[in-house]
Structures are given as structure tokens and as C-alpha cells.
mmCIF file of all heavy atoms, coordinates in Angstrom:
data_MODEL
# 
_entry.id   MODEL 
# 
loop_
_atom_site.group_PDB 
_atom_site.id 
_atom_site.type_symbol 
_atom_site.label_atom_id 
_atom_site.label_alt_id 
_atom_site.label_comp_id 
_atom_site.label_asym_id 
_atom_site.label_entity_id 
_atom_site.label_seq_id 
_atom_site.pdbx_PDB_ins_code 
_atom_site.Cartn_x 
_atom_site.Cartn_y 
_atom_site.Cartn_z 
_atom_site.occupancy 
_atom_site.B_iso_or_equiv 
_atom_site.pdbx_formal_charge 
_atom_site.auth_seq_id 
_atom_site.auth_comp_id 
_atom_site.auth_asym_id 
_atom_site.auth_atom_id 
_atom_site.pdbx_PDB_model_num 
ATOM 1   N N   . PRO A 1 1  ? 128.149 92.652 236.118 1.00 0.00 ? 1  PRO A N   1 
ATOM 2   C CA  . PRO A 1 1  ? 128.434 91.496 237.013 1.00 0.00 ? 1  PRO A CA  1 
ATOM 3   C C   . PRO A 1 1  ? 129.670 90.706 236.459 1.00 0.00 ? 1  PRO A C   1 
ATOM 4   O O   . PRO A 1 1  ? 129.704 90.399 235.192 1.00 0.00 ? 1  PRO A O   1 
ATOM 5   C CB  . PRO A 1 1  ? 127.069 90.708 237.080 1.00 0.00 ? 1  PRO A CB  1 
ATOM 6   C CG  . PRO A 1 1  ? 126.432 91.077 235.859 1.00 0.00 ? 1  PRO A CG  1 
ATOM 7   C CD  . PRO A 1 1  ? 126.855 92.477 235.430 1.00 0.00 ? 1  PRO A CD  1 
ATOM 8   N N   . MET A 1 2  ? 130.472 90.327 237.270 1.00 0.00 ? 2  MET A N   1 
ATOM 9   C CA  . MET A 1 2  ? 131.547 89.404 236.785 1.00 0.00 ? 2  MET A CA  1 
ATOM 10  C C   . MET A 1 2  ? 130.889 87.869 236.661 1.00 0.00 ? 2  MET A C   1 
ATOM 11  O O   . MET A 1 2  ? 130.055 87.572 237.439 1.00 0.00 ? 2  MET A O   1 
ATOM 12  C CB  . MET A 1 2  ? 132.516 89.437 237.925 1.00 0.00 ? 2  MET A CB  1 
ATOM 13  C CG  . MET A 1 2  ? 133.972 88.706 237.423 1.00 0.00 ? 2  MET A CG  1 
ATOM 14  S SD  . MET A 1 2  ? 135.332 88.915 238.634 1.00 0.00 ? 2  MET A SD  1 
ATOM 15  C CE  . MET A 1 2  ? 136.646 88.472 237.613 1.00 0.00 ? 2  MET A CE  1 
ATOM 16  N N   . ALA A 1 3  ? 131.379 87.257 235.762 1.00 0.00 ? 3  ALA A N   1 
ATOM 17  C CA  . ALA A 1 3  ? 130.785 85.892 235.468 1.00 0.00 ? 3  ALA A CA  1 
ATOM 18  C C   . ALA A 1 3  ? 131.198 84.948 236.786 1.00 0.00 ? 3  ALA A C   1 
ATOM 19  O O   . ALA A 1 3  ? 132.432 85.095 237.225 1.00 0.00 ? 3  ALA A O   1 
ATOM 20  C CB  . ALA A 1 3  ? 131.581 85.353 234.234 1.00 0.00 ? 3  ALA A CB  1 
ATOM 21  N N   . ILE A 1 4  ? 130.245 84.050 237.167 1.00 0.00 ? 4  ILE A N   1 
ATOM 22  C CA  . ILE A 1 4  ? 130.469 83.379 238.287 1.00 0.00 ? 4  ILE A CA  1 
ATOM 23  C C   . ILE A 1 4  ? 131.580 82.345 238.176 1.00 0.00 ? 4  ILE A C   1 
ATOM 24  O O   . ILE A 1 4  ? 132.171 81.958 239.252 1.00 0.00 ? 4  ILE A O   1 
ATOM 25  C CB  . ILE A 1 4  ? 129.250 82.594 238.825 1.00 0.00 ? 4  ILE A CB  1 
ATOM 26  C CG1 . ILE A 1 4  ? 128.682 81.740 237.716 1.00 0.00 ? 4  ILE A CG1 1 
ATOM 27  C CG2 . ILE A 1 4  ? 128.054 83.711 239.079 1.00 0.00 ? 4  ILE A CG2 1 
ATOM 28  C CD1 . ILE A 1 4  ? 127.470 80.866 238.156 1.00 0.00 ? 4  ILE A CD1 1 
ATOM 29  N N   . GLU A 1 5  ? 131.936 82.026 236.966 1.00 0.00 ? 5  GLU A N   1 
ATOM 30  C CA  . GLU A 1 5  ? 133.089 80.973 236.868 1.00 0.00 ? 5  GLU A CA  1 
ATOM 31  C C   . GLU A 1 5  ? 134.475 81.639 237.095 1.00 0.00 ? 5  GLU A C   1 
ATOM 32  O O   . GLU A 1 5  ? 135.424 80.944 237.142 1.00 0.00 ? 5  GLU A O   1 
ATOM 33  C CB  . GLU A 1 5  ? 132.971 80.379 235.484 1.00 0.00 ? 5  GLU A CB  1 
ATOM 34  C CG  . GLU A 1 5  ? 133.240 81.354 234.343 1.00 0.00 ? 5  GLU A CG  1 
ATOM 35  C CD  . GLU A 1 5  ? 131.994 81.833 233.660 1.00 0.00 ? 5  GLU A CD  1 
ATOM 36  O OE1 . GLU A 1 5  ? 130.900 81.838 234.428 1.00 0.00 ? 5  GLU A OE1 1 
ATOM 37  O OE2 . GLU A 1 5  ? 132.049 82.397 232.522 1.00 0.00 ? 5  GLU A OE2 1 
ATOM 38  N N   . ASP A 1 6  ? 134.409 82.985 237.130 1.00 0.00 ? 6  ASP A N   1 
ATOM 39  C CA  . ASP A 1 6  ? 135.757 83.728 237.208 1.00 0.00 ? 6  ASP A CA  1 
ATOM 40  C C   . ASP A 1 6  ? 136.095 84.105 238.730 1.00 0.00 ? 6  ASP A C   1 
ATOM 41  O O   . ASP A 1 6  ? 137.129 84.776 238.897 1.00 0.00 ? 6  ASP A O   1 
ATOM 42  C CB  . ASP A 1 6  ? 135.791 84.914 236.340 1.00 0.00 ? 6  ASP A CB  1 
ATOM 43  C CG  . ASP A 1 6  ? 135.759 84.466 234.902 1.00 0.00 ? 6  ASP A CG  1 
ATOM 44  O OD1 . ASP A 1 6  ? 136.273 83.458 234.542 1.00 0.00 ? 6  ASP A OD1 1 
ATOM 45  O OD2 . ASP A 1 6  ? 135.210 85.313 234.019 1.00 0.00 ? 6  ASP A OD2 1 
ATOM 46  N N   . PHE A 1 7  ? 135.363 83.793 239.670 1.00 0.00 ? 7  PHE A N   1 
ATOM 47  C CA  . PHE A 1 7  ? 135.662 83.965 240.987 1.00 0.00 ? 7  PHE A CA  1 
ATOM 48  C C   . PHE A 1 7  ? 134.983 82.771 241.933 1.00 0.00 ? 7  PHE A C   1 
ATOM 49  O O   . PHE A 1 7  ? 134.140 82.047 241.421 1.00 0.00 ? 7  PHE A O   1 
ATOM 50  C CB  . PHE A 1 7  ? 135.204 85.264 241.555 1.00 0.00 ? 7  PHE A CB  1 
ATOM 51  C CG  . PHE A 1 7  ? 133.664 85.506 241.503 1.00 0.00 ? 7  PHE A CG  1 
ATOM 52  C CD1 . PHE A 1 7  ? 132.917 85.140 242.622 1.00 0.00 ? 7  PHE A CD1 1 
ATOM 53  C CD2 . PHE A 1 7  ? 132.893 85.918 240.480 1.00 0.00 ? 7  PHE A CD2 1 
ATOM 54  C CE1 . PHE A 1 7  ? 131.530 85.273 242.653 1.00 0.00 ? 7  PHE A CE1 1 
ATOM 55  C CE2 . PHE A 1 7  ? 131.612 86.043 240.369 1.00 0.00 ? 7  PHE A CE2 1 
ATOM 56  C CZ  . PHE A 1 7  ? 130.919 85.731 241.480 1.00 0.00 ? 7  PHE A CZ  1 
ATOM 57  N N   . VAL A 1 8  ? 135.482 82.706 243.136 1.00 0.00 ? 8  VAL A N   1 
ATOM 58  C CA  . VAL A 1 8  ? 135.032 81.579 243.938 1.00 0.00 ? 8  VAL A CA  1 
ATOM 59  C C   . VAL A 1 8  ? 134.598 82.148 245.361 1.00 0.00 ? 8  VAL A C   1 
ATOM 60  O O   . VAL A 1 8  ? 135.213 83.102 245.805 1.00 0.00 ? 8  VAL A O   1 
ATOM 61  C CB  . VAL A 1 8  ? 136.064 80.523 244.234 1.00 0.00 ? 8  VAL A CB  1 
ATOM 62  C CG1 . VAL A 1 8  ? 136.332 79.794 242.815 1.00 0.00 ? 8  VAL A CG1 1 
ATOM 63  C CG2 . VAL A 1 8  ? 137.365 81.043 244.723 1.00 0.00 ? 8  VAL A CG2 1 
ATOM 64  N N   . PHE A 1 9  ? 133.746 81.523 245.916 1.00 0.00 ? 9  PHE A N   1 
ATOM 65  C CA  . PHE A 1 9  ? 133.369 81.700 247.391 1.00 0.00 ? 9  PHE A CA  1 
ATOM 66  C C   . PHE A 1 9  ? 134.138 80.714 248.217 1.00 0.00 ? 9  PHE A C   1 
ATOM 67  O O   . PHE A 1 9  ? 134.225 79.518 247.850 1.00 0.00 ? 9  PHE A O   1 
ATOM 68  C CB  . PHE A 1 9  ? 131.917 81.575 247.742 1.00 0.00 ? 9  PHE A CB  1 
ATOM 69  C CG  . PHE A 1 9  ? 131.016 82.567 247.137 1.00 0.00 ? 9  PHE A CG  1 
ATOM 70  C CD1 . PHE A 1 9  ? 129.870 82.198 246.454 1.00 0.00 ? 9  PHE A CD1 1 
ATOM 71  C CD2 . PHE A 1 9  ? 131.377 83.992 247.193 1.00 0.00 ? 9  PHE A CD2 1 
ATOM 72  C CE1 . PHE A 1 9  ? 128.987 83.227 245.925 1.00 0.00 ? 9  PHE A CE1 1 
ATOM 73  C CE2 . PHE A 1 9  ? 130.471 84.939 246.744 1.00 0.00 ? 9  PHE A CE2 1 
ATOM 74  C CZ  . PHE A 1 9  ? 129.411 84.583 246.156 1.00 0.00 ? 9  PHE A CZ  1 
ATOM 75  N N   . ILE A 1 10 ? 134.929 81.137 249.333 1.00 0.00 ? 10 ILE A N   1 
ATOM 76  C CA  . ILE A 1 10 ? 135.671 80.169 250.103 1.00 0.00 ? 10 ILE A CA  1 
ATOM 77  C C   . ILE A 1 10 ? 135.116 80.374 251.555 1.00 0.00 ? 10 ILE A C   1 
ATOM 78  O O   . ILE A 1 10 ? 135.302 81.545 252.120 1.00 0.00 ? 10 ILE A O   1 
ATOM 79  C CB  . ILE A 1 10 ? 137.299 80.579 249.897 1.00 0.00 ? 10 ILE A CB  1 
ATOM 80  C CG1 . ILE A 1 10 ? 137.713 80.560 248.515 1.00 0.00 ? 10 ILE A CG1 1 
ATOM 81  C CG2 . ILE A 1 10 ? 138.043 79.548 250.908 1.00 0.00 ? 10 ILE A CG2 1 
ATOM 82  C CD1 . ILE A 1 10 ? 139.167 80.961 248.396 1.00 0.00 ? 10 ILE A CD1 1 
ATOM 83  N N   . THR A 1 11 ? 134.820 79.357 252.103 1.00 0.00 ? 11 THR A N   1 
ATOM 84  C CA  . THR A 1 11 ? 134.186 79.426 253.552 1.00 0.00 ? 11 THR A CA  1 
ATOM 85  C C   . THR A 1 11 ? 135.364 78.926 254.437 1.00 0.00 ? 11 THR A C   1 
ATOM 86  O O   . THR A 1 11 ? 136.377 78.535 254.104 1.00 0.00 ? 11 THR A O   1 
ATOM 87  C CB  . THR A 1 11 ? 133.001 78.412 253.603 1.00 0.00 ? 11 THR A CB  1 
ATOM 88  O OG1 . THR A 1 11 ? 133.323 77.100 253.107 1.00 0.00 ? 11 THR A OG1 1 
ATOM 89  C CG2 . THR A 1 11 ? 131.777 78.905 252.818 1.00 0.00 ? 11 THR A CG2 1 
ATOM 90  N N   . LYS A 1 12 ? 135.062 78.942 255.762 1.00 0.00 ? 12 LYS A N   1 
ATOM 91  C CA  . LYS A 1 12 ? 136.094 78.733 256.742 1.00 0.00 ? 12 LYS A CA  1 
ATOM 92  C C   . LYS A 1 12 ? 136.641 77.409 256.700 1.00 0.00 ? 12 LYS A C   1 
ATOM 93  O O   . LYS A 1 12 ? 137.830 77.110 256.983 1.00 0.00 ? 12 LYS A O   1 
ATOM 94  C CB  . LYS A 1 12 ? 135.470 78.914 258.194 1.00 0.00 ? 12 LYS A CB  1 
ATOM 95  C CG  . LYS A 1 12 ? 136.356 78.843 259.354 1.00 0.00 ? 12 LYS A CG  1 
ATOM 96  C CD  . LYS A 1 12 ? 135.554 79.151 260.626 1.00 0.00 ? 12 LYS A CD  1 
ATOM 97  C CE  . LYS A 1 12 ? 136.699 79.110 261.819 1.00 0.00 ? 12 LYS A CE  1 
ATOM 98  N NZ  . LYS A 1 12 ? 135.946 79.318 263.078 1.00 0.00 ? 12 LYS A NZ  1 
ATOM 99  N N   . ASP A 1 13 ? 135.854 76.396 256.191 1.00 0.00 ? 13 ASP A N   1 
ATOM 100 C CA  . ASP A 1 13 ? 136.435 75.028 256.102 1.00 0.00 ? 13 ASP A CA  1 
ATOM 101 C C   . ASP A 1 13 ? 137.070 74.732 254.725 1.00 0.00 ? 13 ASP A C   1 
ATOM 102 O O   . ASP A 1 13 ? 137.291 73.732 254.313 1.00 0.00 ? 13 ASP A O   1 
ATOM 103 C CB  . ASP A 1 13 ? 135.169 74.041 256.349 1.00 0.00 ? 13 ASP A CB  1 
ATOM 104 C CG  . ASP A 1 13 ? 134.189 74.259 255.153 1.00 0.00 ? 13 ASP A CG  1 
ATOM 105 O OD1 . ASP A 1 13 ? 134.264 75.124 254.374 1.00 0.00 ? 13 ASP A OD1 1 
ATOM 106 O OD2 . ASP A 1 13 ? 133.117 73.494 255.209 1.00 0.00 ? 13 ASP A OD2 1 
ATOM 107 N N   . LYS A 1 14 ? 137.445 75.917 254.057 1.00 0.00 ? 14 LYS A N   1 
ATOM 108 C CA  . LYS A 1 14 ? 138.192 75.936 252.837 1.00 0.00 ? 14 LYS A CA  1 
ATOM 109 C C   . LYS A 1 14 ? 137.428 75.351 251.584 1.00 0.00 ? 14 LYS A C   1 
ATOM 110 O O   . LYS A 1 14 ? 137.982 75.122 250.527 1.00 0.00 ? 14 LYS A O   1 
ATOM 111 C CB  . LYS A 1 14 ? 139.535 75.158 252.923 1.00 0.00 ? 14 LYS A CB  1 
ATOM 112 C CG  . LYS A 1 14 ? 140.484 75.609 254.106 1.00 0.00 ? 14 LYS A CG  1 
ATOM 113 C CD  . LYS A 1 14 ? 140.746 77.143 253.916 1.00 0.00 ? 14 LYS A CD  1 
ATOM 114 C CE  . LYS A 1 14 ? 141.703 77.589 255.071 1.00 0.00 ? 14 LYS A CE  1 
ATOM 115 N NZ  . LYS A 1 14 ? 141.929 79.044 254.911 1.00 0.00 ? 14 LYS A NZ  1 
ATOM 116 N N   . LYS A 1 15 ? 136.171 75.149 251.848 1.00 0.00 ? 15 LYS A N   1 
ATOM 117 C CA  . LYS A 1 15 ? 135.296 74.809 250.668 1.00 0.00 ? 15 LYS A CA  1 
ATOM 118 C C   . LYS A 1 15 ? 135.099 75.858 249.655 1.00 0.00 ? 15 LYS A C   1 
ATOM 119 O O   . LYS A 1 15 ? 134.786 77.019 249.939 1.00 0.00 ? 15 LYS A O   1 
ATOM 120 C CB  . LYS A 1 15 ? 133.928 74.282 251.191 1.00 0.00 ? 15 LYS A CB  1 
ATOM 121 C CG  . LYS A 1 15 ? 133.126 73.771 250.071 1.00 0.00 ? 15 LYS A CG  1 
ATOM 122 C CD  . LYS A 1 15 ? 131.803 73.207 250.528 1.00 0.00 ? 15 LYS A CD  1 
ATOM 123 C CE  . LYS A 1 15 ? 130.928 72.594 249.446 1.00 0.00 ? 15 LYS A CE  1 
ATOM 124 N NZ  . LYS A 1 15 ? 129.512 72.184 250.007 1.00 0.00 ? 15 LYS A NZ  1 
ATOM 125 N N   . GLU A 1 16 ? 135.317 75.567 248.229 1.00 0.00 ? 16 GLU A N   1 
ATOM 126 C CA  . GLU A 1 16 ? 135.272 76.578 247.360 1.00 0.00 ? 16 GLU A CA  1 
ATOM 127 C C   . GLU A 1 16 ? 134.036 76.273 246.267 1.00 0.00 ? 16 GLU A C   1 
ATOM 128 O O   . GLU A 1 16 ? 133.841 75.125 246.032 1.00 0.00 ? 16 GLU A O   1 
ATOM 129 C CB  . GLU A 1 16 ? 136.550 76.523 246.397 1.00 0.00 ? 16 GLU A CB  1 
ATOM 130 C CG  . GLU A 1 16 ? 137.743 77.052 247.102 1.00 0.00 ? 16 GLU A CG  1 
ATOM 131 C CD  . GLU A 1 16 ? 138.876 77.237 246.230 1.00 0.00 ? 16 GLU A CD  1 
ATOM 132 O OE1 . GLU A 1 16 ? 138.856 77.045 245.028 1.00 0.00 ? 16 GLU A OE1 1 
ATOM 133 O OE2 . GLU A 1 16 ? 140.142 77.464 246.814 1.00 0.00 ? 16 GLU A OE2 1 
ATOM 134 N N   . THR A 1 17 ? 133.243 77.284 246.218 1.00 0.00 ? 17 THR A N   1 
ATOM 135 C CA  . THR A 1 17 ? 131.999 77.225 245.331 1.00 0.00 ? 17 THR A CA  1 
ATOM 136 C C   . THR A 1 17 ? 131.868 78.404 244.486 1.00 0.00 ? 17 THR A C   1 
ATOM 137 O O   . THR A 1 17 ? 132.505 79.425 244.617 1.00 0.00 ? 17 THR A O   1 
ATOM 138 C CB  . THR A 1 17 ? 130.816 77.123 246.134 1.00 0.00 ? 17 THR A CB  1 
ATOM 139 O OG1 . THR A 1 17 ? 130.704 78.208 246.974 1.00 0.00 ? 17 THR A OG1 1 
ATOM 140 C CG2 . THR A 1 17 ? 130.755 75.741 247.015 1.00 0.00 ? 17 THR A CG2 1 
ATOM 141 N N   . HIS A 1 18 ? 131.159 78.216 243.392 1.00 0.00 ? 18 HIS A N   1 
ATOM 142 C CA  . HIS A 1 18 ? 130.751 79.255 242.427 1.00 0.00 ? 18 HIS A CA  1 
ATOM 143 C C   . HIS A 1 18 ? 129.381 79.692 242.534 1.00 0.00 ? 18 HIS A C   1 
ATOM 144 O O   . HIS A 1 18 ? 128.496 78.882 242.488 1.00 0.00 ? 18 HIS A O   1 
ATOM 145 C CB  . HIS A 1 18 ? 131.082 78.835 241.037 1.00 0.00 ? 18 HIS A CB  1 
ATOM 146 C CG  . HIS A 1 18 ? 132.521 78.565 240.687 1.00 0.00 ? 18 HIS A CG  1 
ATOM 147 N ND1 . HIS A 1 18 ? 133.425 79.591 240.352 1.00 0.00 ? 18 HIS A ND1 1 
ATOM 148 C CD2 . HIS A 1 18 ? 133.171 77.406 240.596 1.00 0.00 ? 18 HIS A CD2 1 
ATOM 149 C CE1 . HIS A 1 18 ? 134.676 79.043 240.060 1.00 0.00 ? 18 HIS A CE1 1 
ATOM 150 N NE2 . HIS A 1 18 ? 134.506 77.675 240.245 1.00 0.00 ? 18 HIS A NE2 1 
ATOM 151 N N   . GLY A 1 19 ? 129.121 80.899 242.583 1.00 0.00 ? 19 GLY A N   1 
ATOM 152 C CA  . GLY A 1 19 ? 127.865 81.466 242.634 1.00 0.00 ? 19 GLY A CA  1 
ATOM 153 C C   . GLY A 1 19 ? 126.960 81.377 243.928 1.00 0.00 ? 19 GLY A C   1 
ATOM 154 O O   . GLY A 1 19 ? 126.056 82.183 244.069 1.00 0.00 ? 19 GLY A O   1 
ATOM 155 N N   . LYS A 1 20 ? 127.342 80.587 244.821 1.00 0.00 ? 20 LYS A N   1 
ATOM 156 C CA  . LYS A 1 20 ? 126.454 80.317 246.061 1.00 0.00 ? 20 LYS A CA  1 
ATOM 157 C C   . LYS A 1 20 ? 127.389 79.768 247.100 1.00 0.00 ? 20 LYS A C   1 
ATOM 158 O O   . LYS A 1 20 ? 128.175 78.865 246.866 1.00 0.00 ? 20 LYS A O   1 
ATOM 159 C CB  . LYS A 1 20 ? 125.334 79.425 245.678 1.00 0.00 ? 20 LYS A CB  1 
ATOM 160 C CG  . LYS A 1 20 ? 124.434 79.072 246.874 1.00 0.00 ? 20 LYS A CG  1 
ATOM 161 C CD  . LYS A 1 20 ? 123.314 78.188 246.276 1.00 0.00 ? 20 LYS A CD  1 
ATOM 162 C CE  . LYS A 1 20 ? 122.365 77.749 247.447 1.00 0.00 ? 20 LYS A CE  1 
ATOM 163 N NZ  . LYS A 1 20 ? 121.218 76.861 246.956 1.00 0.00 ? 20 LYS A NZ  1 
ATOM 164 N N   . ALA A 1 21 ? 127.174 80.137 248.270 1.00 0.00 ? 21 ALA A N   1 
ATOM 165 C CA  . ALA A 1 21 ? 127.993 79.503 249.544 1.00 0.00 ? 21 ALA A CA  1 
ATOM 166 C C   . ALA A 1 21 ? 127.012 79.414 250.799 1.00 0.00 ? 21 ALA A C   1 
ATOM 167 O O   . ALA A 1 21 ? 126.083 80.381 250.968 1.00 0.00 ? 21 ALA A O   1 
ATOM 168 C CB  . ALA A 1 21 ? 129.263 80.451 249.757 1.00 0.00 ? 21 ALA A CB  1 
ATOM 169 N N   . VAL A 1 22 ? 127.266 78.428 251.482 1.00 0.00 ? 22 VAL A N   1 
ATOM 170 C CA  . VAL A 1 22 ? 126.511 78.189 252.790 1.00 0.00 ? 22 VAL A CA  1 
ATOM 171 C C   . VAL A 1 22 ? 127.459 78.262 253.822 1.00 0.00 ? 22 VAL A C   1 
ATOM 172 O O   . VAL A 1 22 ? 128.484 77.440 253.809 1.00 0.00 ? 22 VAL A O   1 
ATOM 173 C CB  . VAL A 1 22 ? 125.693 76.854 252.802 1.00 0.00 ? 22 VAL A CB  1 
ATOM 174 C CG1 . VAL A 1 22 ? 124.994 76.731 254.063 1.00 0.00 ? 22 VAL A CG1 1 
ATOM 175 C CG2 . VAL A 1 22 ? 124.775 76.871 251.530 1.00 0.00 ? 22 VAL A CG2 1 
ATOM 176 N N   . VAL A 1 23 ? 127.167 79.156 254.906 1.00 0.00 ? 23 VAL A N   1 
ATOM 177 C CA  . VAL A 1 23 ? 128.031 79.160 256.160 1.00 0.00 ? 23 VAL A CA  1 
ATOM 178 C C   . VAL A 1 23 ? 127.169 78.979 257.403 1.00 0.00 ? 23 VAL A C   1 
ATOM 179 O O   . VAL A 1 23 ? 125.966 79.173 257.406 1.00 0.00 ? 23 VAL A O   1 
ATOM 180 C CB  . VAL A 1 23 ? 128.762 80.614 256.239 1.00 0.00 ? 23 VAL A CB  1 
ATOM 181 C CG1 . VAL A 1 23 ? 129.770 80.728 255.076 1.00 0.00 ? 23 VAL A CG1 1 
ATOM 182 C CG2 . VAL A 1 23 ? 127.771 81.635 256.195 1.00 0.00 ? 23 VAL A CG2 1 
ATOM 183 N N   . THR A 1 24 ? 127.876 78.557 258.388 1.00 0.00 ? 24 THR A N   1 
ATOM 184 C CA  . THR A 1 24 ? 127.173 78.351 259.682 1.00 0.00 ? 24 THR A CA  1 
ATOM 185 C C   . THR A 1 24 ? 127.776 79.209 260.769 1.00 0.00 ? 24 THR A C   1 
ATOM 186 O O   . THR A 1 24 ? 129.068 79.286 260.969 1.00 0.00 ? 24 THR A O   1 
ATOM 187 C CB  . THR A 1 24 ? 127.401 76.930 260.103 1.00 0.00 ? 24 THR A CB  1 
ATOM 188 O OG1 . THR A 1 24 ? 126.767 76.016 259.121 1.00 0.00 ? 24 THR A OG1 1 
ATOM 189 C CG2 . THR A 1 24 ? 126.670 76.600 261.405 1.00 0.00 ? 24 THR A CG2 1 
ATOM 190 N N   . ILE A 1 25 ? 126.836 80.014 261.397 1.00 0.00 ? 25 ILE A N   1 
ATOM 191 C CA  . ILE A 1 25 ? 127.333 80.773 262.540 1.00 0.00 ? 25 ILE A CA  1 
ATOM 192 C C   . ILE A 1 25 ? 127.251 79.903 263.756 1.00 0.00 ? 25 ILE A C   1 
ATOM 193 O O   . ILE A 1 25 ? 126.002 79.425 264.140 1.00 0.00 ? 25 ILE A O   1 
ATOM 194 C CB  . ILE A 1 25 ? 126.481 82.083 262.714 1.00 0.00 ? 25 ILE A CB  1 
ATOM 195 C CG1 . ILE A 1 25 ? 126.624 82.965 261.593 1.00 0.00 ? 25 ILE A CG1 1 
ATOM 196 C CG2 . ILE A 1 25 ? 126.935 82.823 264.012 1.00 0.00 ? 25 ILE A CG2 1 
ATOM 197 C CD1 . ILE A 1 25 ? 125.770 84.182 261.553 1.00 0.00 ? 25 ILE A CD1 1 
# 
């Protein structure tokens, strides 16, 4: 597994998080 600090989740509202993301359908 890649370390969570070395990549980001980016949601539609441009919010960037590490390790976990919340999206709304």
C-alpha cells in the first residue's frame, strides 16, 4: 500500500483529504 500522506482524494468541490473522502450523490 502507498502511504496515505503521499496521495490525496479530491472530491467534486475540490476538497482534498488523505486516507478518507466523503461524496454526495
